[in-house]
Amino acid sequence: MSLSTNIKQAIKEAILEIIAEVMSEYIKGQPQRKGKNIDPDLISTRQAYKLRGRSRVTHLINLGLLKQINTGTNATSVKYISKKKLISLDKVNI
């Protein structure tokens, strides 16, 4: 009996090792979340619209006072704006 329990235990440990190896390979293969290493000062344009209004933000962008930073090469990728710059431009009358 002890031989069969030892074999069962060895098989169980081997299966657990294989599962752990497969899971680590799976996690390595997962794409990184976009925007993970982005400066905490940056907010998305959508958040900027909520803070200061869409017309104000687009006007500041069109004047070149605010710059959008793209995170990717796709046209629909998230564009970020500096929150500090946006708030500092509140004092400017345009």
PDB file of N, CA and C in Angstrom:
ATOM      1  N   MET A   1       0.811  -1.193   0.000  1.00  0.00           N
ATOM      2  CA  MET A   1       0.000   0.000   0.000  1.00  0.00           C
ATOM      3  C   MET A   1       0.856   1.258   0.000  1.00  0.00           C
ATOM      4  N   SER A   2       1.945   1.243   0.721  1.00  0.00           N
ATOM      5  CA  SER A   2       2.755   2.451   0.809  1.00  0.00           C
ATOM      6  C   SER A   2       3.404   2.771  -0.538  1.00  0.00           C
ATOM      7  N   LEU A   3       3.687   1.723  -1.316  1.00  0.00           N
ATOM      8  CA  LEU A   3       4.267   1.956  -2.636  1.00  0.00           C
ATOM      9  C   LEU A   3       3.262   2.667  -3.535  1.00  0.00           C
ATOM     10  N   SER A   4       2.013   2.254  -3.495  1.00  0.00           N
ATOM     11  CA  SER A   4       0.998   2.892  -4.338  1.00  0.00           C
ATOM     12  C   SER A   4       0.717   4.317  -3.863  1.00  0.00           C
ATOM     13  N   THR A   5       0.741   4.549  -2.548  1.00  0.00           N
ATOM     14  CA  THR A   5       0.532   5.909  -2.073  1.00  0.00           C
ATOM     15  C   THR A   5       1.712   6.798  -2.426  1.00  0.00           C
ATOM     16  N   ASN A   6       2.932   6.244  -2.414  1.00  0.00           N
ATOM     17  CA  ASN A   6       4.107   7.009  -2.826  1.00  0.00           C
ATOM     18  C   ASN A   6       4.023   7.376  -4.309  1.00  0.00           C
ATOM     19  N   ILE A   7       3.561   6.434  -5.113  1.00  0.00           N
ATOM     20  CA  ILE A   7       3.417   6.698  -6.550  1.00  0.00           C
ATOM     21  C   ILE A   7       2.346   7.758  -6.781  1.00  0.00           C
ATOM     22  N   LYS A   8       1.228   7.626  -6.060  1.00  0.00           N
ATOM     23  CA  LYS A   8       0.167   8.626  -6.191  1.00  0.00           C
ATOM     24  C   LYS A   8       0.661  10.008  -5.789  1.00  0.00           C
ATOM     25  N   GLN A   9       1.424  10.043  -4.704  1.00  0.00           N
ATOM     26  CA  GLN A   9       1.958  11.326  -4.234  1.00  0.00           C
ATOM     27  C   GLN A   9       2.934  11.909  -5.248  1.00  0.00           C
ATOM     28  N   ALA A  10       3.779  11.082  -5.850  1.00  0.00           N
ATOM     29  CA  ALA A  10       4.746  11.545  -6.849  1.00  0.00           C
ATOM     30  C   ALA A  10       4.027  12.065  -8.088  1.00  0.00           C
ATOM     31  N   ILE A  11       2.988  11.356  -8.508  1.00  0.00           N
ATOM     32  CA  ILE A  11       2.205  11.788  -9.669  1.00  0.00           C
ATOM     33  C   ILE A  11       1.519  13.121  -9.370  1.00  0.00           C
ATOM     34  N   LYS A  12       0.959  13.246  -8.166  1.00  0.00           N
ATOM     35  CA  LYS A  12       0.283  14.471  -7.769  1.00  0.00           C
ATOM     36  C   LYS A  12       1.260  15.650  -7.771  1.00  0.00           C
ATOM     37  N   GLU A  13       2.454  15.456  -7.221  1.00  0.00           N
ATOM     38  CA  GLU A  13       3.459  16.515  -7.201  1.00  0.00           C
ATOM     39  C   GLU A  13       3.905  16.885  -8.616  1.00  0.00           C
ATOM     40  N   ALA A  14       4.055  15.882  -9.488  1.00  0.00           N
ATOM     41  CA  ALA A  14       4.456  16.146 -10.871  1.00  0.00           C
ATOM     42  C   ALA A  14       3.383  16.962 -11.600  1.00  0.00           C
ATOM     43  N   ILE A  15       2.126  16.615 -11.368  1.00  0.00           N
ATOM     44  CA  ILE A  15       1.026  17.336 -12.006  1.00  0.00           C
ATOM     45  C   ILE A  15       0.989  18.780 -11.510  1.00  0.00           C
ATOM     46  N   LEU A  16       1.179  18.986 -10.210  1.00  0.00           N
ATOM     47  CA  LEU A  16       1.178  20.339  -9.663  1.00  0.00           C
ATOM     48  C   LEU A  16       2.336  21.166 -10.222  1.00  0.00           C
ATOM     49  N   GLU A  17       3.504  20.556 -10.393  1.00  0.00           N
ATOM     50  CA  GLU A  17       4.642  21.259 -10.987  1.00  0.00           C
ATOM     51  C   GLU A  17       4.350  21.655 -12.427  1.00  0.00           C
ATOM     52  N   ILE A  18       3.737  20.747 -13.179  1.00  0.00           N
ATOM     53  CA  ILE A  18       3.399  21.034 -14.574  1.00  0.00           C
ATOM     54  C   ILE A  18       2.379  22.170 -14.644  1.00  0.00           C
ATOM     55  N   ILE A  19       1.380  22.127 -13.771  1.00  0.00           N
ATOM     56  CA  ILE A  19       0.365  23.191 -13.759  1.00  0.00           C
ATOM     57  C   ILE A  19       1.005  24.530 -13.427  1.00  0.00           C
ATOM     58  N   ALA A  20       1.900  24.562 -12.444  1.00  0.00           N
ATOM     59  CA  ALA A  20       2.563  25.809 -12.075  1.00  0.00           C
ATOM     60  C   ALA A  20       3.406  26.335 -13.227  1.00  0.00           C
ATOM     61  N   GLU A  21       4.097  25.450 -13.936  1.00  0.00           N
ATOM     62  CA  GLU A  21       4.925  25.862 -15.070  1.00  0.00           C
ATOM     63  C   GLU A  21       4.065  26.408 -16.209  1.00  0.00           C
ATOM     64  N   VAL A  22       2.971  25.736 -16.491  1.00  0.00           N
ATOM     65  CA  VAL A  22       2.069  26.176 -17.563  1.00  0.00           C
ATOM     66  C   VAL A  22       1.452  27.533 -17.218  1.00  0.00           C
ATOM     67  N   MET A  23       1.049  27.720 -15.966  1.00  0.00           N
ATOM     68  CA  MET A  23       0.463  28.984 -15.563  1.00  0.00           C
ATOM     69  C   MET A  23       1.470  30.125 -15.650  1.00  0.00           C
ATOM     70  N   SER A  24       2.715  29.868 -15.267  1.00  0.00           N
ATOM     71  CA  SER A  24       3.718  30.932 -15.355  1.00  0.00           C
ATOM     72  C   SER A  24       3.989  31.286 -16.814  1.00  0.00           C
ATOM     73  N   GLU A  25       4.009  30.304 -17.700  1.00  0.00           N
ATOM     74  CA  GLU A  25       4.191  30.576 -19.125  1.00  0.00           C
ATOM     75  C   GLU A  25       2.993  31.337 -19.685  1.00  0.00           C
ATOM     76  N   TYR A  26       1.810  31.009 -19.220  1.00  0.00           N
ATOM     77  CA  TYR A  26       0.601  31.686 -19.673  1.00  0.00           C
ATOM     78  C   TYR A  26       0.632  33.160 -19.246  1.00  0.00           C
ATOM     79  N   ILE A  27       1.027  33.411 -18.007  1.00  0.00           N
ATOM     80  CA  ILE A  27       1.082  34.782 -17.501  1.00  0.00           C
ATOM     81  C   ILE A  27       2.136  35.587 -18.250  1.00  0.00           C
ATOM     82  N   LYS A  28       3.269  34.982 -18.562  1.00  0.00           N
ATOM     83  CA  LYS A  28       4.311  35.675 -19.315  1.00  0.00           C
ATOM     84  C   LYS A  28       3.820  36.056 -20.703  1.00  0.00           C
ATOM     85  N   GLY A  29       2.972  35.237 -21.294  1.00  0.00           N
ATOM     86  CA  GLY A  29       2.474  35.474 -22.644  1.00  0.00           C
ATOM     87  C   GLY A  29       1.363  36.501 -22.714  1.00  0.00           C
ATOM     88  N   GLN A  30       0.799  36.886 -21.568  1.00  0.00           N
ATOM     89  CA  GLN A  30      -0.282  37.855 -21.562  1.00  0.00           C
ATOM     90  C   GLN A  30       0.253  39.236 -21.936  1.00  0.00           C
ATOM     91  N   PRO A  31      -0.494  39.977 -22.736  1.00  0.00           N
ATOM     92  CA  PRO A  31      -0.045  41.334 -23.075  1.00  0.00           C
ATOM     93  C   PRO A  31      -0.089  42.234 -21.846  1.00  0.00           C
ATOM     94  N   GLN A  32       0.841  43.168 -21.782  1.00  0.00           N
ATOM     95  CA  GLN A  32       0.874  44.115 -20.678  1.00  0.00           C
ATOM     96  C   GLN A  32      -0.295  45.079 -20.805  1.00  0.00           C
ATOM     97  N   ARG A  33      -0.835  45.482 -19.673  1.00  0.00           N
ATOM     98  CA  ARG A  33      -1.895  46.483 -19.700  1.00  0.00           C
ATOM     99  C   ARG A  33      -1.356  47.786 -20.239  1.00  0.00           C
ATOM    100  N   LYS A  34      -2.117  48.385 -21.117  1.00  0.00           N
ATOM    101  CA  LYS A  34      -1.695  49.666 -21.669  1.00  0.00           C
ATOM    102  C   LYS A  34      -1.785  50.730 -20.585  1.00  0.00           C
ATOM    103  N   GLY A  35      -0.846  51.614 -20.622  1.00  0.00           N
ATOM    104  CA  GLY A  35      -0.864  52.704 -19.673  1.00  0.00           C
ATOM    105  C   GLY A  35      -0.374  52.349 -18.291  1.00  0.00           C
ATOM    106  N   LYS A  36       0.282  51.195 -18.176  1.00  0.00           N
ATOM    107  CA  LYS A  36       0.715  50.748 -16.858  1.00  0.00           C
ATOM    108  C   LYS A  36       1.848  51.611 -16.312  1.00  0.00           C
ATOM    109  N   ASN A  37       2.751  52.066 -17.163  1.00  0.00           N
ATOM    110  CA  ASN A  37       3.902  52.841 -16.715  1.00  0.00           C
ATOM    111  C   ASN A  37       3.782  54.310 -17.097  1.00  0.00           C
ATOM    112  N   ILE A  38       2.589  54.833 -17.036  1.00  0.00           N
ATOM    113  CA  ILE A  38       2.355  56.217 -17.438  1.00  0.00           C
ATOM    114  C   ILE A  38       2.481  57.123 -16.218  1.00  0.00           C
ATOM    115  N   ASP A  39       2.980  58.318 -16.446  1.00  0.00           N
ATOM    116  CA  ASP A  39       3.147  59.321 -15.403  1.00  0.00           C
ATOM    117  C   ASP A  39       1.809  59.556 -14.687  1.00  0.00           C
ATOM    118  N   PRO A  40       1.790  59.554 -13.355  1.00  0.00           N
ATOM    119  CA  PRO A  40       0.518  59.732 -12.640  1.00  0.00           C
ATOM    120  C   PRO A  40      -0.105  61.115 -12.839  1.00  0.00           C
ATOM    121  N   ASP A  41       0.672  62.085 -13.308  1.00  0.00           N
ATOM    122  CA  ASP A  41       0.128  63.416 -13.584  1.00  0.00           C
ATOM    123  C   ASP A  41      -0.779  63.410 -14.809  1.00  0.00           C
ATOM    124  N   LEU A  42      -0.595  62.450 -15.704  1.00  0.00           N
ATOM    125  CA  LEU A  42      -1.362  62.424 -16.947  1.00  0.00           C
ATOM    126  C   LEU A  42      -2.753  61.844 -16.726  1.00  0.00           C
ATOM    127  N   ILE A  43      -3.730  62.477 -17.361  1.00  0.00           N
ATOM    128  CA  ILE A  43      -5.104  61.984 -17.342  1.00  0.00           C
ATOM    129  C   ILE A  43      -5.569  61.848 -18.785  1.00  0.00           C
ATOM    130  N   SER A  44      -6.546  60.994 -19.017  1.00  0.00           N
ATOM    131  CA  SER A  44      -7.058  60.817 -20.374  1.00  0.00           C
ATOM    132  C   SER A  44      -7.849  62.052 -20.782  1.00  0.00           C
ATOM    133  N   THR A  45      -8.006  62.221 -22.083  1.00  0.00           N
ATOM    134  CA  THR A  45      -8.767  63.376 -22.561  1.00  0.00           C
ATOM    135  C   THR A  45     -10.217  63.302 -22.077  1.00  0.00           C
ATOM    136  N   ARG A  46     -10.731  62.109 -21.946  1.00  0.00           N
ATOM    137  CA  ARG A  46     -12.098  61.951 -21.437  1.00  0.00           C
ATOM    138  C   ARG A  46     -12.205  62.479 -20.009  1.00  0.00           C
ATOM    139  N   GLN A  47     -11.215  62.169 -19.168  1.00  0.00           N
ATOM    140  CA  GLN A  47     -11.211  62.693 -17.804  1.00  0.00           C
ATOM    141  C   GLN A  47     -11.040  64.214 -17.807  1.00  0.00           C
ATOM    142  N   ALA A  48     -10.222  64.719 -18.730  1.00  0.00           N
ATOM    143  CA  ALA A  48     -10.037  66.173 -18.841  1.00  0.00           C
ATOM    144  C   ALA A  48     -11.346  66.848 -19.229  1.00  0.00           C
ATOM    145  N   TYR A  49     -12.103  66.222 -20.128  1.00  0.00           N
ATOM    146  CA  TYR A  49     -13.399  66.768 -20.519  1.00  0.00           C
ATOM    147  C   TYR A  49     -14.328  66.855 -19.311  1.00  0.00           C
ATOM    148  N   LYS A  50     -14.285  65.831 -18.469  1.00  0.00           N
ATOM    149  CA  LYS A  50     -15.140  65.835 -17.280  1.00  0.00           C
ATOM    150  C   LYS A  50     -14.721  66.921 -16.300  1.00  0.00           C
ATOM    151  N   LEU A  51     -13.415  67.185 -16.209  1.00  0.00           N
ATOM    152  CA  LEU A  51     -12.927  68.197 -15.268  1.00  0.00           C
ATOM    153  C   LEU A  51     -13.231  69.617 -15.728  1.00  0.00           C
ATOM    154  N   ARG A  52     -12.973  69.919 -16.992  1.00  0.00           N
ATOM    155  CA  ARG A  52     -13.034  71.303 -17.459  1.00  0.00           C
ATOM    156  C   ARG A  52     -13.982  71.547 -18.616  1.00  0.00           C
ATOM    157  N   GLY A  53     -14.642  70.543 -19.101  1.00  0.00           N
ATOM    158  CA  GLY A  53     -15.560  70.729 -20.218  1.00  0.00           C
ATOM    159  C   GLY A  53     -14.875  70.461 -21.553  1.00  0.00           C
ATOM    160  N   ARG A  54     -15.622  69.855 -22.444  1.00  0.00           N
ATOM    161  CA  ARG A  54     -15.064  69.446 -23.731  1.00  0.00           C
ATOM    162  C   ARG A  54     -14.602  70.636 -24.566  1.00  0.00           C
ATOM    163  N   SER A  55     -15.415  71.692 -24.616  1.00  0.00           N
ATOM    164  CA  SER A  55     -15.061  72.830 -25.473  1.00  0.00           C
ATOM    165  C   SER A  55     -13.802  73.533 -24.969  1.00  0.00           C
ATOM    166  N   ARG A  56     -13.658  73.657 -23.653  1.00  0.00           N
ATOM    167  CA  ARG A  56     -12.472  74.313 -23.081  1.00  0.00           C
ATOM    168  C   ARG A  56     -11.216  73.506 -23.402  1.00  0.00           C
ATOM    169  N   VAL A  57     -11.272  72.210 -23.210  1.00  0.00           N
ATOM    170  CA  VAL A  57     -10.096  71.359 -23.445  1.00  0.00           C
ATOM    171  C   VAL A  57      -9.724  71.340 -24.922  1.00  0.00           C
ATOM    172  N   THR A  58     -10.692  71.173 -25.808  1.00  0.00           N
ATOM    173  CA  THR A  58     -10.376  71.150 -27.241  1.00  0.00           C
ATOM    174  C   THR A  58      -9.858  72.508 -27.704  1.00  0.00           C
ATOM    175  N   HIS A  59     -10.367  73.586 -27.133  1.00  0.00           N
ATOM    176  CA  HIS A  59      -9.878  74.920 -27.478  1.00  0.00           C
ATOM    177  C   HIS A  59      -8.409  75.079 -27.071  1.00  0.00           C
ATOM    178  N   LEU A  60      -8.067  74.627 -25.884  1.00  0.00           N
ATOM    179  CA  LEU A  60      -6.676  74.702 -25.414  1.00  0.00           C
ATOM    180  C   LEU A  60      -5.750  73.829 -26.263  1.00  0.00           C
ATOM    181  N   ILE A  61      -6.255  72.688 -26.703  1.00  0.00           N
ATOM    182  CA  ILE A  61      -5.457  71.807 -27.568  1.00  0.00           C
ATOM    183  C   ILE A  61      -5.247  72.464 -28.929  1.00  0.00           C
ATOM    184  N   ASN A  62      -6.305  73.042 -29.484  1.00  0.00           N
ATOM    185  CA  ASN A  62      -6.213  73.694 -30.795  1.00  0.00           C
ATOM    186  C   ASN A  62      -5.267  74.896 -30.765  1.00  0.00           C
ATOM    187  N   LEU A  63      -5.220  75.602 -29.636  1.00  0.00           N
ATOM    188  CA  LEU A  63      -4.299  76.735 -29.501  1.00  0.00           C
ATOM    189  C   LEU A  63      -2.857  76.285 -29.272  1.00  0.00           C
ATOM    190  N   GLY A  64      -2.661  75.019 -28.972  1.00  0.00           N
ATOM    191  CA  GLY A  64      -1.317  74.496 -28.732  1.00  0.00           C
ATOM    192  C   GLY A  64      -0.849  74.663 -27.300  1.00  0.00           C
ATOM    193  N   LEU A  65      -1.754  75.072 -26.418  1.00  0.00           N
ATOM    194  CA  LEU A  65      -1.378  75.231 -25.014  1.00  0.00           C
ATOM    195  C   LEU A  65      -1.351  73.903 -24.270  1.00  0.00           C
ATOM    196  N   LEU A  66      -2.139  72.952 -24.725  1.00  0.00           N
ATOM    197  CA  LEU A  66      -2.135  71.595 -24.180  1.00  0.00           C
ATOM    198  C   LEU A  66      -1.675  70.640 -25.262  1.00  0.00           C
ATOM    199  N   LYS A  67      -0.853  69.679 -24.887  1.00  0.00           N
ATOM    200  CA  LYS A  67      -0.400  68.680 -25.846  1.00  0.00           C
ATOM    201  C   LYS A  67      -0.909  67.317 -25.430  1.00  0.00           C
ATOM    202  N   GLN A  68      -1.401  66.588 -26.412  1.00  0.00           N
ATOM    203  CA  GLN A  68      -1.868  65.228 -26.163  1.00  0.00           C
ATOM    204  C   GLN A  68      -0.713  64.254 -26.380  1.00  0.00           C
ATOM    205  N   ILE A  69      -0.623  63.281 -25.506  1.00  0.00           N
ATOM    206  CA  ILE A  69       0.410  62.257 -25.600  1.00  0.00           C
ATOM    207  C   ILE A  69      -0.277  60.942 -25.943  1.00  0.00           C
ATOM    208  N   ASN A  70       0.133  60.327 -27.051  1.00  0.00           N
ATOM    209  CA  ASN A  70      -0.444  59.052 -27.463  1.00  0.00           C
ATOM    210  C   ASN A  70       0.276  57.904 -26.777  1.00  0.00           C
ATOM    211  N   THR A  71      -0.492  56.864 -26.435  1.00  0.00           N
ATOM    212  CA  THR A  71       0.112  55.684 -25.816  1.00  0.00           C
ATOM    213  C   THR A  71       0.409  54.601 -26.837  1.00  0.00           C
ATOM    214  N   GLY A  72      -0.186  54.689 -27.994  1.00  0.00           N
ATOM    215  CA  GLY A  72       0.008  53.662 -28.997  1.00  0.00           C
ATOM    216  C   GLY A  72       0.020  54.247 -30.392  1.00  0.00           C
ATOM    217  N   THR A  73       0.137  53.366 -31.363  1.00  0.00           N
ATOM    218  CA  THR A  73       0.195  53.814 -32.746  1.00  0.00           C
ATOM    219  C   THR A  73      -1.179  53.818 -33.401  1.00  0.00           C
ATOM    220  N   ASN A  74      -2.142  53.177 -32.784  1.00  0.00           N
ATOM    221  CA  ASN A  74      -3.486  53.108 -33.331  1.00  0.00           C
ATOM    222  C   ASN A  74      -4.188  54.454 -33.175  1.00  0.00           C
ATOM    223  N   ALA A  75      -5.032  54.786 -34.118  1.00  0.00           N
ATOM    224  CA  ALA A  75      -5.741  56.071 -34.079  1.00  0.00           C
ATOM    225  C   ALA A  75      -6.707  56.152 -32.898  1.00  0.00           C
ATOM    226  N   THR A  76      -7.181  55.003 -32.432  1.00  0.00           N
ATOM    227  CA  THR A  76      -8.137  54.995 -31.325  1.00  0.00           C
ATOM    228  C   THR A  76      -7.473  54.786 -29.969  1.00  0.00           C
ATOM    229  N   SER A  77      -6.149  54.824 -29.917  1.00  0.00           N
ATOM    230  CA  SER A  77      -5.474  54.632 -28.632  1.00  0.00           C
ATOM    231  C   SER A  77      -5.720  55.832 -27.720  1.00  0.00           C
ATOM    232  N   VAL A  78      -5.603  55.595 -26.432  1.00  0.00           N
ATOM    233  CA  VAL A  78      -5.889  56.633 -25.438  1.00  0.00           C
ATOM    234  C   VAL A  78      -4.864  57.759 -25.550  1.00  0.00           C
ATOM    235  N   LYS A  79      -5.366  58.970 -25.500  1.00  0.00           N
ATOM    236  CA  LYS A  79      -4.499  60.147 -25.520  1.00  0.00           C
ATOM    237  C   LYS A  79      -4.548  60.792 -24.142  1.00  0.00           C
ATOM    238  N   TYR A  80      -3.387  61.174 -23.634  1.00  0.00           N
ATOM    239  CA  TYR A  80      -3.289  61.719 -22.291  1.00  0.00           C
ATOM    240  C   TYR A  80      -2.908  63.190 -22.316  1.00  0.00           C
ATOM    241  N   ILE A  81      -3.307  63.905 -21.253  1.00  0.00           N
ATOM    242  CA  ILE A  81      -3.027  65.328 -21.087  1.00  0.00           C
ATOM    243  C   ILE A  81      -2.508  65.527 -19.668  1.00  0.00           C
ATOM    244  N   SER A  82      -1.615  66.488 -19.485  1.00  0.00           N
ATOM    245  CA  SER A  82      -1.096  66.792 -18.159  1.00  0.00           C
ATOM    246  C   SER A  82      -2.173  67.491 -17.326  1.00  0.00           C
ATOM    247  N   LYS A  83      -2.474  66.915 -16.177  1.00  0.00           N
ATOM    248  CA  LYS A  83      -3.492  67.495 -15.307  1.00  0.00           C
ATOM    249  C   LYS A  83      -3.000  68.812 -14.703  1.00  0.00           C
ATOM    250  N   LYS A  84      -1.725  68.878 -14.337  1.00  0.00           N
ATOM    251  CA  LYS A  84      -1.164  70.109 -13.772  1.00  0.00           C
ATOM    252  C   LYS A  84      -1.260  71.254 -14.768  1.00  0.00           C
ATOM    253  N   LYS A  85      -0.926  70.962 -16.019  1.00  0.00           N
ATOM    254  CA  LYS A  85      -0.980  71.987 -17.064  1.00  0.00           C
ATOM    255  C   LYS A  85      -2.417  72.451 -17.287  1.00  0.00           C
ATOM    256  N   LEU A  86      -3.342  71.501 -17.303  1.00  0.00           N
ATOM    257  CA  LEU A  86      -4.755  71.827 -17.501  1.00  0.00           C
ATOM    258  C   LEU A  86      -5.264  72.732 -16.386  1.00  0.00           C
ATOM    259  N   ILE A  87      -4.918  72.420 -15.161  1.00  0.00           N
ATOM    260  CA  ILE A  87      -5.375  73.225 -14.022  1.00  0.00           C
ATOM    261  C   ILE A  87      -4.697  74.589 -14.027  1.00  0.00           C
ATOM    262  N   SER A  88      -3.417  74.626 -14.397  1.00  0.00           N
ATOM    263  CA  SER A  88      -2.714  75.921 -14.431  1.00  0.00           C
ATOM    264  C   SER A  88      -3.275  76.840 -15.521  1.00  0.00           C
ATOM    265  N   LEU A  89      -3.831  76.259 -16.577  1.00  0.00           N
ATOM    266  CA  LEU A  89      -4.426  77.058 -17.651  1.00  0.00           C
ATOM    267  C   LEU A  89      -5.817  77.601 -17.293  1.00  0.00           C
ATOM    268  N   ASP A  90      -6.342  77.229 -16.123  1.00  0.00           N
ATOM    269  CA  ASP A  90      -7.621  77.796 -15.678  1.00  0.00           C
ATOM    270  C   ASP A  90      -7.521  79.291 -15.468  1.00  0.00           C
ATOM    271  N   LYS A  91      -6.340  79.748 -15.110  1.00  0.00           N
ATOM    272  CA  LYS A  91      -6.140  81.166 -14.816  1.00  0.00           C
ATOM    273  C   LYS A  91      -6.010  82.011 -16.075  1.00  0.00           C
ATOM    274  N   VAL A  92      -5.872  81.356 -17.223  1.00  0.00           N
ATOM    275  CA  VAL A  92      -5.694  82.056 -18.492  1.00  0.00           C
ATOM    276  C   VAL A  92      -7.066  82.308 -19.111  1.00  0.00           C
ATOM    277  N   ASN A  93      -7.331  83.545 -19.454  1.00  0.00           N
ATOM    278  CA  ASN A  93      -8.580  83.898 -20.138  1.00  0.00           C
ATOM    279  C   ASN A  93      -8.367  83.831 -21.634  1.00  0.00           C
ATOM    280  N   ILE A  94      -9.092  82.947 -22.256  1.00  0.00           N
ATOM    281  CA  ILE A  94      -8.973  82.793 -23.715  1.00  0.00           C
ATOM    282  C   ILE A  94     -10.367  82.773 -24.308  1.00  0.00           C
TER     283      ILE A  94
END
